[in-house]
PDB file of all heavy atoms in Angstrom:
ATOM      1  N   ALA A   1       0.813  -1.202  -0.035  1.00  0.00           N
ATOM      2  CA  ALA A   1       0.003   0.002   0.002  1.00  0.00           C
ATOM      3  C   ALA A   1       0.889   1.213  -0.013  1.00  0.00           C
ATOM      4  O   ALA A   1       1.987   1.239   0.578  1.00  0.00           O
ATOM      5  CB  ALA A   1      -0.946  -0.027   1.207  1.00  0.00           C
ATOM      6  N   SER A   2       0.363   2.268  -0.629  1.00  0.00           N
ATOM      7  CA  SER A   2       1.120   3.518  -0.748  1.00  0.00           C
ATOM      8  C   SER A   2       1.100   4.411   0.421  1.00  0.00           C
ATOM      9  O   SER A   2       2.039   5.207   0.695  1.00  0.00           O
ATOM     10  CB  SER A   2       0.629   4.299  -1.971  1.00  0.00           C
ATOM     11  OG  SER A   2      -0.755   4.659  -1.827  1.00  0.00           O
ATOM     12  N   ARG A   3       0.083   4.374   1.277  1.00  0.00           N
ATOM     13  CA  ARG A   3      -0.104   5.257   2.345  1.00  0.00           C
ATOM     14  C   ARG A   3       0.604   4.783   3.580  1.00  0.00           C
ATOM     15  O   ARG A   3       0.554   3.547   3.904  1.00  0.00           O
ATOM     16  CB  ARG A   3      -1.527   5.496   2.628  1.00  0.00           C
ATOM     17  CG  ARG A   3      -2.318   6.302   1.603  1.00  0.00           C
ATOM     18  CD  ARG A   3      -3.689   6.741   2.031  1.00  0.00           C
ATOM     19  NE  ARG A   3      -4.392   7.417   1.024  1.00  0.00           N
ATOM     20  CZ  ARG A   3      -4.253   8.768   0.821  1.00  0.00           C
ATOM     21  NH1 ARG A   3      -3.422   9.484   1.591  1.00  0.00           N
ATOM     22  NH2 ARG A   3      -4.928   9.393  -0.117  1.00  0.00           N
ATOM     23  N   VAL A   4       1.154   5.756   4.334  1.00  0.00           N
ATOM     24  CA  VAL A   4       1.826   5.375   5.617  1.00  0.00           C
ATOM     25  C   VAL A   4       0.859   4.797   6.604  1.00  0.00           C
ATOM     26  O   VAL A   4       1.084   3.873   7.343  1.00  0.00           O
ATOM     27  CB  VAL A   4       2.627   6.550   6.161  1.00  0.00           C
ATOM     28  CG1 VAL A   4       3.214   6.244   7.508  1.00  0.00           C
ATOM     29  CG2 VAL A   4       3.742   7.016   5.172  1.00  0.00           C
ATOM     30  N   ILE A   5      -0.252   5.460   6.687  1.00  0.00           N
ATOM     31  CA  ILE A   5      -1.323   5.086   7.617  1.00  0.00           C
ATOM     32  C   ILE A   5      -2.075   3.899   6.959  1.00  0.00           C
ATOM     33  O   ILE A   5      -3.011   4.113   6.121  1.00  0.00           O
ATOM     34  CB  ILE A   5      -2.304   6.219   7.992  1.00  0.00           C
ATOM     35  CG1 ILE A   5      -1.473   7.378   8.592  1.00  0.00           C
ATOM     36  CG2 ILE A   5      -3.363   5.715   8.957  1.00  0.00           C
ATOM     37  CD1 ILE A   5      -2.366   8.575   8.927  1.00  0.00           C
ATOM     38  N   PHE A   6      -1.658   2.719   7.254  1.00  0.00           N
ATOM     39  CA  PHE A   6      -2.202   1.525   6.611  1.00  0.00           C
ATOM     40  C   PHE A   6      -3.020   0.638   7.603  1.00  0.00           C
ATOM     41  O   PHE A   6      -3.919  -0.044   7.153  1.00  0.00           O
ATOM     42  CB  PHE A   6      -1.008   0.683   6.085  1.00  0.00           C
ATOM     43  CG  PHE A   6      -1.408  -0.569   5.487  1.00  0.00           C
ATOM     44  CD1 PHE A   6      -2.049  -0.620   4.324  1.00  0.00           C
ATOM     45  CD2 PHE A   6      -1.047  -1.773   6.071  1.00  0.00           C
ATOM     46  CE1 PHE A   6      -2.405  -1.831   3.694  1.00  0.00           C
ATOM     47  CE2 PHE A   6      -1.372  -3.029   5.526  1.00  0.00           C
ATOM     48  CZ  PHE A   6      -2.025  -3.036   4.289  1.00  0.00           C
ATOM     49  N   ASP A   7      -2.680   0.824   8.877  1.00  0.00           N
ATOM     50  CA  ASP A   7      -3.381  -0.078   9.876  1.00  0.00           C
ATOM     51  C   ASP A   7      -4.868   0.218   9.993  1.00  0.00           C
ATOM     52  O   ASP A   7      -5.549  -0.633  10.552  1.00  0.00           O
ATOM     53  CB  ASP A   7      -2.726   0.039  11.206  1.00  0.00           C
ATOM     54  CG  ASP A   7      -2.666   1.500  11.757  1.00  0.00           C
ATOM     55  OD1 ASP A   7      -2.707   2.421  10.957  1.00  0.00           O
ATOM     56  OD2 ASP A   7      -2.591   1.646  12.987  1.00  0.00           O
ATOM     57  N   ALA A   8      -5.362   1.360   9.535  1.00  0.00           N
ATOM     58  CA  ALA A   8      -6.758   1.695   9.652  1.00  0.00           C
ATOM     59  C   ALA A   8      -7.607   1.020   8.533  1.00  0.00           C
ATOM     60  O   ALA A   8      -8.792   1.122   8.594  1.00  0.00           O
ATOM     61  CB  ALA A   8      -6.999   3.166   9.627  1.00  0.00           C
ATOM     62  N   TYR A   9      -6.946   0.416   7.621  1.00  0.00           N
ATOM     63  CA  TYR A   9      -7.708  -0.238   6.457  1.00  0.00           C
ATOM     64  C   TYR A   9      -7.940  -1.699   6.659  1.00  0.00           C
ATOM     65  O   TYR A   9      -7.015  -2.415   7.139  1.00  0.00           O
ATOM     66  CB  TYR A   9      -6.841  -0.013   5.164  1.00  0.00           C
ATOM     67  CG  TYR A   9      -6.804   1.440   4.697  1.00  0.00           C
ATOM     68  CD1 TYR A   9      -5.887   2.298   5.170  1.00  0.00           C
ATOM     69  CD2 TYR A   9      -7.684   1.831   3.667  1.00  0.00           C
ATOM     70  CE1 TYR A   9      -5.842   3.643   4.727  1.00  0.00           C
ATOM     71  CE2 TYR A   9      -7.652   3.150   3.234  1.00  0.00           C
ATOM     72  CZ  TYR A   9      -6.713   4.039   3.733  1.00  0.00           C
ATOM     73  OH  TYR A   9      -6.708   5.324   3.245  1.00  0.00           O
ATOM     74  N   THR A  10      -9.120  -2.091   6.321  1.00  0.00           N
ATOM     75  CA  THR A  10      -9.450  -3.502   6.135  1.00  0.00           C
ATOM     76  C   THR A  10      -8.984  -3.933   4.777  1.00  0.00           C
ATOM     77  O   THR A  10      -9.194  -3.234   3.737  1.00  0.00           O
ATOM     78  CB  THR A  10     -10.950  -3.736   6.305  1.00  0.00           C
ATOM     79  OG1 THR A  10     -11.352  -3.383   7.646  1.00  0.00           O
ATOM     80  CG2 THR A  10     -11.337  -5.146   5.978  1.00  0.00           C
ATOM     81  N   ILE A  11      -8.269  -5.038   4.790  1.00  0.00           N
ATOM     82  CA  ILE A  11      -7.725  -5.612   3.529  1.00  0.00           C
ATOM     83  C   ILE A  11      -8.305  -6.987   3.161  1.00  0.00           C
ATOM     84  O   ILE A  11      -8.469  -7.798   3.973  1.00  0.00           O
ATOM     85  CB  ILE A  11      -6.211  -5.771   3.589  1.00  0.00           C
ATOM     86  CG1 ILE A  11      -5.493  -4.438   4.134  1.00  0.00           C
ATOM     87  CG2 ILE A  11      -5.585  -6.136   2.263  1.00  0.00           C
ATOM     88  CD1 ILE A  11      -5.679  -3.268   3.189  1.00  0.00           C
ATOM     89  N   GLY A  12      -8.667  -7.094   1.914  1.00  0.00           N
ATOM     90  CA  GLY A  12      -9.191  -8.364   1.367  1.00  0.00           C
ATOM     91  C   GLY A  12      -8.420  -8.889   0.171  1.00  0.00           C
ATOM     92  O   GLY A  12      -7.855  -8.149  -0.582  1.00  0.00           O
ATOM     93  N   TRP A  13      -8.430 -10.203   0.086  1.00  0.00           N
ATOM     94  CA  TRP A  13      -7.916 -10.925  -1.124  1.00  0.00           C
ATOM     95  C   TRP A  13      -9.030 -11.478  -1.901  1.00  0.00           C
ATOM     96  O   TRP A  13      -9.913 -12.176  -1.299  1.00  0.00           O
ATOM     97  CB  TRP A  13      -6.915 -11.952  -0.717  1.00  0.00           C
ATOM     98  CG  TRP A  13      -5.551 -11.425  -0.435  1.00  0.00           C
ATOM     99  CD1 TRP A  13      -4.943 -11.188   0.819  1.00  0.00           C
ATOM    100  CD2 TRP A  13      -4.544 -11.034  -1.322  1.00  0.00           C
ATOM    101  NE1 TRP A  13      -3.691 -10.799   0.696  1.00  0.00           N
ATOM    102  CE2 TRP A  13      -3.411 -10.652  -0.611  1.00  0.00           C
ATOM    103  CE3 TRP A  13      -4.504 -11.048  -2.789  1.00  0.00           C
ATOM    104  CZ2 TRP A  13      -2.247 -10.194  -1.200  1.00  0.00           C
ATOM    105  CZ3 TRP A  13      -3.293 -10.526  -3.347  1.00  0.00           C
ATOM    106  CH2 TRP A  13      -2.194 -10.151  -2.561  1.00  0.00           C
ATOM    107  N   PHE A  14      -8.990 -11.199  -3.177  1.00  0.00           N
ATOM    108  CA  PHE A  14     -10.035 -11.730  -4.103  1.00  0.00           C
ATOM    109  C   PHE A  14      -9.289 -12.437  -5.236  1.00  0.00           C
ATOM    110  O   PHE A  14      -8.027 -12.253  -5.425  1.00  0.00           O
ATOM    111  CB  PHE A  14     -10.824 -10.589  -4.735  1.00  0.00           C
ATOM    112  CG  PHE A  14     -11.581  -9.781  -3.729  1.00  0.00           C
ATOM    113  CD1 PHE A  14     -10.915  -8.835  -2.930  1.00  0.00           C
ATOM    114  CD2 PHE A  14     -13.008  -9.883  -3.650  1.00  0.00           C
ATOM    115  CE1 PHE A  14     -11.607  -8.115  -2.017  1.00  0.00           C
ATOM    116  CE2 PHE A  14     -13.690  -9.114  -2.781  1.00  0.00           C
ATOM    117  CZ  PHE A  14     -13.059  -8.218  -1.979  1.00  0.00           C
ATOM    118  N   ARG A  15     -10.018 -13.218  -6.053  1.00  0.00           N
ATOM    119  CA  ARG A  15      -9.408 -13.822  -7.180  1.00  0.00           C
ATOM    120  C   ARG A  15     -10.499 -13.943  -8.289  1.00  0.00           C
ATOM    121  O   ARG A  15     -11.721 -13.956  -7.986  1.00  0.00           O
ATOM    122  CB  ARG A  15      -8.815 -15.184  -6.973  1.00  0.00           C
ATOM    123  CG  ARG A  15      -9.785 -16.279  -6.606  1.00  0.00           C
ATOM    124  CD  ARG A  15      -9.099 -17.614  -6.343  1.00  0.00           C
ATOM    125  NE  ARG A  15     -10.063 -18.673  -6.051  1.00  0.00           N
ATOM    126  CZ  ARG A  15      -9.687 -19.841  -5.610  1.00  0.00           C
ATOM    127  NH1 ARG A  15      -8.388 -20.146  -5.476  1.00  0.00           N
ATOM    128  NH2 ARG A  15     -10.634 -20.843  -5.412  1.00  0.00           N
ATOM    129  N   GLN A  16     -10.112 -13.949  -9.493  1.00  0.00           N
ATOM    130  CA  GLN A  16     -10.927 -14.181 -10.594  1.00  0.00           C
ATOM    131  C   GLN A  16     -10.322 -15.140 -11.564  1.00  0.00           C
ATOM    132  O   GLN A  16      -9.315 -14.944 -12.186  1.00  0.00           O
ATOM    133  CB  GLN A  16     -11.264 -12.894 -11.339  1.00  0.00           C
ATOM    134  CG  GLN A  16     -12.374 -12.978 -12.420  1.00  0.00           C
ATOM    135  CD  GLN A  16     -12.904 -11.655 -12.837  1.00  0.00           C
ATOM    136  OE1 GLN A  16     -12.263 -10.634 -12.619  1.00  0.00           O
ATOM    137  NE2 GLN A  16     -14.088 -11.669 -13.480  1.00  0.00           N
ATOM    138  N   ALA A  17     -10.911 -16.350 -11.597  1.00  0.00           N
ATOM    139  CA  ALA A  17     -10.457 -17.441 -12.461  1.00  0.00           C
ATOM    140  C   ALA A  17     -11.019 -17.204 -13.879  1.00  0.00           C
ATOM    141  O   ALA A  17     -12.002 -16.522 -14.116  1.00  0.00           O
ATOM    142  CB  ALA A  17     -10.905 -18.749 -11.926  1.00  0.00           C
ATOM    143  N   PRO A  18     -10.374 -17.818 -14.883  1.00  0.00           N
ATOM    144  CA  PRO A  18     -10.788 -17.659 -16.258  1.00  0.00           C
ATOM    145  C   PRO A  18     -12.242 -18.125 -16.431  1.00  0.00           C
ATOM    146  O   PRO A  18     -12.616 -19.212 -15.979  1.00  0.00           O
ATOM    147  CB  PRO A  18      -9.875 -18.583 -17.018  1.00  0.00           C
ATOM    148  CG  PRO A  18      -8.642 -18.618 -16.224  1.00  0.00           C
ATOM    149  CD  PRO A  18      -9.106 -18.579 -14.762  1.00  0.00           C
ATOM    150  N   GLY A  19     -13.102 -17.225 -16.993  1.00  0.00           N
ATOM    151  CA  GLY A  19     -14.484 -17.530 -17.227  1.00  0.00           C
ATOM    152  C   GLY A  19     -15.385 -17.553 -15.969  1.00  0.00           C
ATOM    153  O   GLY A  19     -16.529 -17.909 -16.083  1.00  0.00           O
ATOM    154  N   LYS A  20     -14.842 -17.044 -14.895  1.00  0.00           N
ATOM    155  CA  LYS A  20     -15.676 -16.982 -13.626  1.00  0.00           C
ATOM    156  C   LYS A  20     -15.692 -15.553 -13.080  1.00  0.00           C
ATOM    157  O   LYS A  20     -14.851 -14.732 -13.420  1.00  0.00           O
ATOM    158  CB  LYS A  20     -15.093 -17.989 -12.602  1.00  0.00           C
ATOM    159  CG  LYS A  20     -15.193 -19.412 -13.043  1.00  0.00           C
ATOM    160  CD  LYS A  20     -14.711 -20.345 -11.869  1.00  0.00           C
ATOM    161  CE  LYS A  20     -14.850 -21.814 -12.324  1.00  0.00           C
ATOM    162  NZ  LYS A  20     -14.368 -22.649 -11.105  1.00  0.00           N
ATOM    163  N   GLU A  21     -16.604 -15.333 -12.177  1.00  0.00           N
ATOM    164  CA  GLU A  21     -16.700 -14.058 -11.514  1.00  0.00           C
ATOM    165  C   GLU A  21     -15.695 -13.901 -10.424  1.00  0.00           C
ATOM    166  O   GLU A  21     -15.156 -14.929  -9.945  1.00  0.00           O
ATOM    167  CB  GLU A  21     -18.098 -13.842 -11.001  1.00  0.00           C
ATOM    168  CG  GLU A  21     -19.227 -13.829 -12.062  1.00  0.00           C
ATOM    169  CD  GLU A  21     -20.621 -13.587 -11.534  1.00  0.00           C
ATOM    170  OE1 GLU A  21     -20.747 -13.482 -10.275  1.00  0.00           O
ATOM    171  OE2 GLU A  21     -21.523 -13.411 -12.328  1.00  0.00           O
ATOM    172  N   ARG A  22     -15.484 -12.707 -10.025  1.00  0.00           N
ATOM    173  CA  ARG A  22     -14.563 -12.461  -8.937  1.00  0.00           C
ATOM    174  C   ARG A  22     -15.068 -13.039  -7.620  1.00  0.00           C
ATOM    175  O   ARG A  22     -16.274 -13.005  -7.328  1.00  0.00           O
ATOM    176  CB  ARG A  22     -14.311 -10.943  -8.788  1.00  0.00           C
ATOM    177  CG  ARG A  22     -13.175 -10.601  -7.889  1.00  0.00           C
ATOM    178  CD  ARG A  22     -12.782  -9.119  -8.085  1.00  0.00           C
ATOM    179  NE  ARG A  22     -12.327  -8.891  -9.457  1.00  0.00           N
ATOM    180  CZ  ARG A  22     -11.814  -7.730  -9.878  1.00  0.00           C
ATOM    181  NH1 ARG A  22     -11.723  -6.719  -9.027  1.00  0.00           N
ATOM    182  NH2 ARG A  22     -11.424  -7.642 -11.149  1.00  0.00           N
ATOM    183  N   GLU A  23     -14.138 -13.604  -6.863  1.00  0.00           N
ATOM    184  CA  GLU A  23     -14.461 -14.294  -5.683  1.00  0.00           C
ATOM    185  C   GLU A  23     -13.721 -13.721  -4.477  1.00  0.00           C
ATOM    186  O   GLU A  23     -12.482 -13.534  -4.499  1.00  0.00           O
ATOM    187  CB  GLU A  23     -14.105 -15.808  -5.836  1.00  0.00           C
ATOM    188  CG  GLU A  23     -14.384 -16.725  -4.649  1.00  0.00           C
ATOM    189  CD  GLU A  23     -13.921 -18.106  -4.900  1.00  0.00           C
ATOM    190  OE1 GLU A  23     -13.088 -18.340  -5.786  1.00  0.00           O
ATOM    191  OE2 GLU A  23     -14.309 -19.015  -4.142  1.00  0.00           O
ATOM    192  N   LEU A  24     -14.459 -13.451  -3.396  1.00  0.00           N
ATOM    193  CA  LEU A  24     -13.855 -13.022  -2.204  1.00  0.00           C
ATOM    194  C   LEU A  24     -13.305 -14.174  -1.417  1.00  0.00           C
ATOM    195  O   LEU A  24     -13.965 -15.179  -1.135  1.00  0.00           O
ATOM    196  CB  LEU A  24     -14.870 -12.288  -1.346  1.00  0.00           C
ATOM    197  CG  LEU A  24     -14.431 -11.785   0.076  1.00  0.00           C
ATOM    198  CD1 LEU A  24     -13.271 -10.945   0.080  1.00  0.00           C
ATOM    199  CD2 LEU A  24     -15.663 -11.077   0.791  1.00  0.00           C
ATOM    200  N   LEU A  25     -12.022 -14.139  -1.011  1.00  0.00           N
ATOM    201  CA  LEU A  25     -11.347 -15.215  -0.363  1.00  0.00           C
ATOM    202  C   LEU A  25     -11.177 -15.006   1.082  1.00  0.00           C
ATOM    203  O   LEU A  25     -11.696 -15.759   1.893  1.00  0.00           O
ATOM    204  CB  LEU A  25      -9.990 -15.458  -0.989  1.00  0.00           C
ATOM    205  CG  LEU A  25      -9.938 -15.758  -2.468  1.00  0.00           C
ATOM    206  CD1 LEU A  25      -8.552 -15.866  -2.950  1.00  0.00           C
ATOM    207  CD2 LEU A  25     -10.754 -17.058  -2.792  1.00  0.00           C
ATOM    208  N   LEU A  26     -10.432 -13.995   1.471  1.00  0.00           N
ATOM    209  CA  LEU A  26     -10.046 -13.714   2.874  1.00  0.00           C
ATOM    210  C   LEU A  26     -10.055 -12.233   3.113  1.00  0.00           C
ATOM    211  O   LEU A  26      -9.937 -11.425   2.194  1.00  0.00           O
ATOM    212  CB  LEU A  26      -8.680 -14.303   3.155  1.00  0.00           C
ATOM    213  CG  LEU A  26      -8.508 -15.830   3.145  1.00  0.00           C
ATOM    214  CD1 LEU A  26      -7.055 -16.143   2.900  1.00  0.00           C
ATOM    215  CD2 LEU A  26      -8.998 -16.405   4.472  1.00  0.00           C
ATOM    216  N   CYS A  27     -10.235 -11.931   4.399  1.00  0.00           N
ATOM    217  CA  CYS A  27     -10.291 -10.548   4.778  1.00  0.00           C
ATOM    218  C   CYS A  27      -9.646 -10.404   6.198  1.00  0.00           C
ATOM    219  O   CYS A  27      -9.778 -11.289   6.981  1.00  0.00           O
ATOM    220  CB  CYS A  27     -11.695 -10.071   4.792  1.00  0.00           C
ATOM    221  SG  CYS A  27     -11.929  -8.321   5.221  1.00  0.00           S
ATOM    222  N   ILE A  28      -8.949  -9.323   6.370  1.00  0.00           N
ATOM    223  CA  ILE A  28      -8.415  -9.043   7.696  1.00  0.00           C
ATOM    224  C   ILE A  28      -8.731  -7.531   8.044  1.00  0.00           C
ATOM    225  O   ILE A  28      -8.472  -6.636   7.279  1.00  0.00           O
ATOM    226  CB  ILE A  28      -6.866  -9.325   7.765  1.00  0.00           C
ATOM    227  CG1 ILE A  28      -6.376  -9.179   9.188  1.00  0.00           C
ATOM    228  CG2 ILE A  28      -6.121  -8.438   6.828  1.00  0.00           C
ATOM    229  CD1 ILE A  28      -5.003  -9.826   9.413  1.00  0.00           C
ATOM    230  N   SER A  29      -9.253  -7.404   9.215  1.00  0.00           N
ATOM    231  CA  SER A  29      -9.762  -6.090   9.669  1.00  0.00           C
ATOM    232  C   SER A  29      -8.597  -5.279  10.224  1.00  0.00           C
ATOM    233  O   SER A  29      -7.511  -5.811  10.420  1.00  0.00           O
ATOM    234  CB  SER A  29     -10.891  -6.236  10.653  1.00  0.00           C
ATOM    235  OG  SER A  29     -10.367  -6.722  11.809  1.00  0.00           O
ATOM    236  N   SER A  30      -8.899  -4.022  10.498  1.00  0.00           N
ATOM    237  CA  SER A  30      -7.854  -3.145  11.091  1.00  0.00           C
ATOM    238  C   SER A  30      -7.502  -3.633  12.533  1.00  0.00           C
ATOM    239  O   SER A  30      -6.438  -3.318  13.036  1.00  0.00           O
ATOM    240  CB  SER A  30      -8.346  -1.708  11.114  1.00  0.00           C
ATOM    241  OG  SER A  30      -9.562  -1.562  11.792  1.00  0.00           O
ATOM    242  N   SER A  31      -8.452  -4.299  13.166  1.00  0.00           N
ATOM    243  CA  SER A  31      -8.222  -4.816  14.517  1.00  0.00           C
ATOM    244  C   SER A  31      -7.519  -6.144  14.479  1.00  0.00           C
ATOM    245  O   SER A  31      -7.195  -6.664  15.562  1.00  0.00           O
ATOM    246  CB  SER A  31      -9.640  -5.011  15.188  1.00  0.00           C
ATOM    247  OG  SER A  31     -10.422  -5.914  14.537  1.00  0.00           O
ATOM    248  N   GLY A  32      -7.255  -6.712  13.326  1.00  0.00           N
ATOM    249  CA  GLY A  32      -6.576  -7.970  13.202  1.00  0.00           C
ATOM    250  C   GLY A  32      -7.439  -9.195  13.095  1.00  0.00           C
ATOM    251  O   GLY A  32      -6.905 -10.313  13.028  1.00  0.00           O
ATOM    252  N   THR A  33      -8.731  -9.052  13.016  1.00  0.00           N
ATOM    253  CA  THR A  33      -9.636 -10.166  12.861  1.00  0.00           C
ATOM    254  C   THR A  33      -9.605 -10.702  11.492  1.00  0.00           C
ATOM    255  O   THR A  33      -9.927  -9.913  10.544  1.00  0.00           O
ATOM    256  CB  THR A  33     -11.064  -9.738  13.296  1.00  0.00           C
ATOM    257  OG1 THR A  33     -11.003  -9.273  14.691  1.00  0.00           O
ATOM    258  CG2 THR A  33     -11.992 -10.921  13.258  1.00  0.00           C
ATOM    259  N   ALA A  34      -9.354 -11.950  11.299  1.00  0.00           N
ATOM    260  CA  ALA A  34      -9.359 -12.560  10.010  1.00  0.00           C
ATOM    261  C   ALA A  34     -10.599 -13.388   9.738  1.00  0.00           C
ATOM    262  O   ALA A  34     -11.143 -14.041  10.643  1.00  0.00           O
ATOM    263  CB  ALA A  34      -8.103 -13.472   9.845  1.00  0.00           C
ATOM    264  N   THR A  35     -11.084 -13.302   8.504  1.00  0.00           N
ATOM    265  CA  THR A  35     -12.330 -13.973   8.060  1.00  0.00           C
ATOM    266  C   THR A  35     -12.095 -14.711   6.824  1.00  0.00           C
ATOM    267  O   THR A  35     -11.531 -14.125   5.840  1.00  0.00           O
ATOM    268  CB  THR A  35     -13.462 -13.002   8.031  1.00  0.00           C
ATOM    269  OG1 THR A  35     -13.680 -12.294   9.196  1.00  0.00           O
ATOM    270  CG2 THR A  35     -14.763 -13.807   7.644  1.00  0.00           C
ATOM    271  N   ASN A  36     -12.486 -15.904   6.737  1.00  0.00           N
ATOM    272  CA  ASN A  36     -12.412 -16.702   5.529  1.00  0.00           C
ATOM    273  C   ASN A  36     -13.785 -16.768   4.820  1.00  0.00           C
ATOM    274  O   ASN A  36     -14.824 -17.084   5.510  1.00  0.00           O
ATOM    275  CB  ASN A  36     -11.921 -18.107   5.774  1.00  0.00           C
ATOM    276  CG  ASN A  36     -11.695 -18.947   4.535  1.00  0.00           C
ATOM    277  OD1 ASN A  36     -12.700 -19.257   3.789  1.00  0.00           O
ATOM    278  ND2 ASN A  36     -10.450 -19.274   4.233  1.00  0.00           N
ATOM    279  N   TYR A  37     -13.926 -16.416   3.613  1.00  0.00           N
ATOM    280  CA  TYR A  37     -15.155 -16.338   2.871  1.00  0.00           C
ATOM    281  C   TYR A  37     -15.426 -17.525   1.920  1.00  0.00           C
ATOM    282  O   TYR A  37     -16.410 -17.631   1.311  1.00  0.00           O
ATOM    283  CB  TYR A  37     -15.292 -15.039   2.147  1.00  0.00           C
ATOM    284  CG  TYR A  37     -15.477 -13.830   3.026  1.00  0.00           C
ATOM    285  CD1 TYR A  37     -14.369 -13.242   3.567  1.00  0.00           C
ATOM    286  CD2 TYR A  37     -16.711 -13.363   3.370  1.00  0.00           C
ATOM    287  CE1 TYR A  37     -14.426 -12.102   4.350  1.00  0.00           C
ATOM    288  CE2 TYR A  37     -16.832 -12.268   4.114  1.00  0.00           C
ATOM    289  CZ  TYR A  37     -15.716 -11.608   4.695  1.00  0.00           C
ATOM    290  OH  TYR A  37     -15.842 -10.525   5.490  1.00  0.00           O
ATOM    291  N   ALA A  38     -14.344 -18.284   1.644  1.00  0.00           N
ATOM    292  CA  ALA A  38     -14.357 -19.338   0.605  1.00  0.00           C
ATOM    293  C   ALA A  38     -14.018 -20.668   1.162  1.00  0.00           C
ATOM    294  O   ALA A  38     -12.847 -20.864   1.602  1.00  0.00           O
ATOM    295  CB  ALA A  38     -13.526 -18.983  -0.593  1.00  0.00           C
ATOM    296  N   ASP A  39     -14.934 -21.572   1.046  1.00  0.00           N
ATOM    297  CA  ASP A  39     -14.641 -22.922   1.591  1.00  0.00           C
ATOM    298  C   ASP A  39     -13.611 -23.657   0.777  1.00  0.00           C
ATOM    299  O   ASP A  39     -12.895 -24.505   1.240  1.00  0.00           O
ATOM    300  CB  ASP A  39     -15.889 -23.811   1.535  1.00  0.00           C
ATOM    301  CG  ASP A  39     -16.940 -23.377   2.619  1.00  0.00           C
ATOM    302  OD1 ASP A  39     -16.525 -22.710   3.591  1.00  0.00           O
ATOM    303  OD2 ASP A  39     -18.139 -23.671   2.430  1.00  0.00           O
ATOM    304  N   SER A  40     -13.470 -23.213  -0.485  1.00  0.00           N
ATOM    305  CA  SER A  40     -12.516 -23.879  -1.422  1.00  0.00           C
ATOM    306  C   SER A  40     -11.060 -23.623  -0.980  1.00  0.00           C
ATOM    307  O   SER A  40     -10.167 -24.403  -1.395  1.00  0.00           O
ATOM    308  CB  SER A  40     -12.750 -23.336  -2.806  1.00  0.00           C
ATOM    309  OG  SER A  40     -12.572 -21.968  -2.943  1.00  0.00           O
ATOM    310  N   VAL A  41     -10.809 -22.596  -0.189  1.00  0.00           N
ATOM    311  CA  VAL A  41      -9.440 -22.297   0.180  1.00  0.00           C
ATOM    312  C   VAL A  41      -9.221 -22.419   1.664  1.00  0.00           C
ATOM    313  O   VAL A  41      -8.117 -22.203   2.196  1.00  0.00           O
ATOM    314  CB  VAL A  41      -8.987 -20.902  -0.291  1.00  0.00           C
ATOM    315  CG1 VAL A  41      -9.161 -20.720  -1.733  1.00  0.00           C
ATOM    316  CG2 VAL A  41      -9.786 -19.795   0.435  1.00  0.00           C
ATOM    317  N   LYS A  42     -10.265 -22.822   2.333  1.00  0.00           N
ATOM    318  CA  LYS A  42     -10.100 -23.052   3.803  1.00  0.00           C
ATOM    319  C   LYS A  42      -9.051 -24.068   4.099  1.00  0.00           C
ATOM    320  O   LYS A  42      -8.965 -25.083   3.460  1.00  0.00           O
ATOM    321  CB  LYS A  42     -11.421 -23.438   4.377  1.00  0.00           C
ATOM    322  CG  LYS A  42     -11.484 -23.609   5.917  1.00  0.00           C
ATOM    323  CD  LYS A  42     -12.859 -23.977   6.401  1.00  0.00           C
ATOM    324  CE  LYS A  42     -12.906 -24.057   7.932  1.00  0.00           C
ATOM    325  NZ  LYS A  42     -14.173 -24.547   8.423  1.00  0.00           N
ATOM    326  N   ASP A  43      -8.201 -23.771   5.132  1.00  0.00           N
ATOM    327  CA  ASP A  43      -7.138 -24.600   5.559  1.00  0.00           C
ATOM    328  C   ASP A  43      -5.963 -24.686   4.583  1.00  0.00           C
ATOM    329  O   ASP A  43      -4.947 -25.386   4.826  1.00  0.00           O
ATOM    330  CB  ASP A  43      -7.594 -26.011   5.876  1.00  0.00           C
ATOM    331  CG  ASP A  43      -8.613 -26.173   6.982  1.00  0.00           C
ATOM    332  OD1 ASP A  43      -8.545 -25.286   7.916  1.00  0.00           O
ATOM    333  OD2 ASP A  43      -9.515 -26.925   6.942  1.00  0.00           O
TER     334      ASP A  43
END
């Protein structure tokens, strides 16, 4: 990230496979709480 103040941002990872829609995978909040949104990548 370009900004020095980065810890206030929630960050997510997404992916888009060929021929498919964008998929939300994982997210981590500014407080450090992580959330998994995709069973296909769990574990």
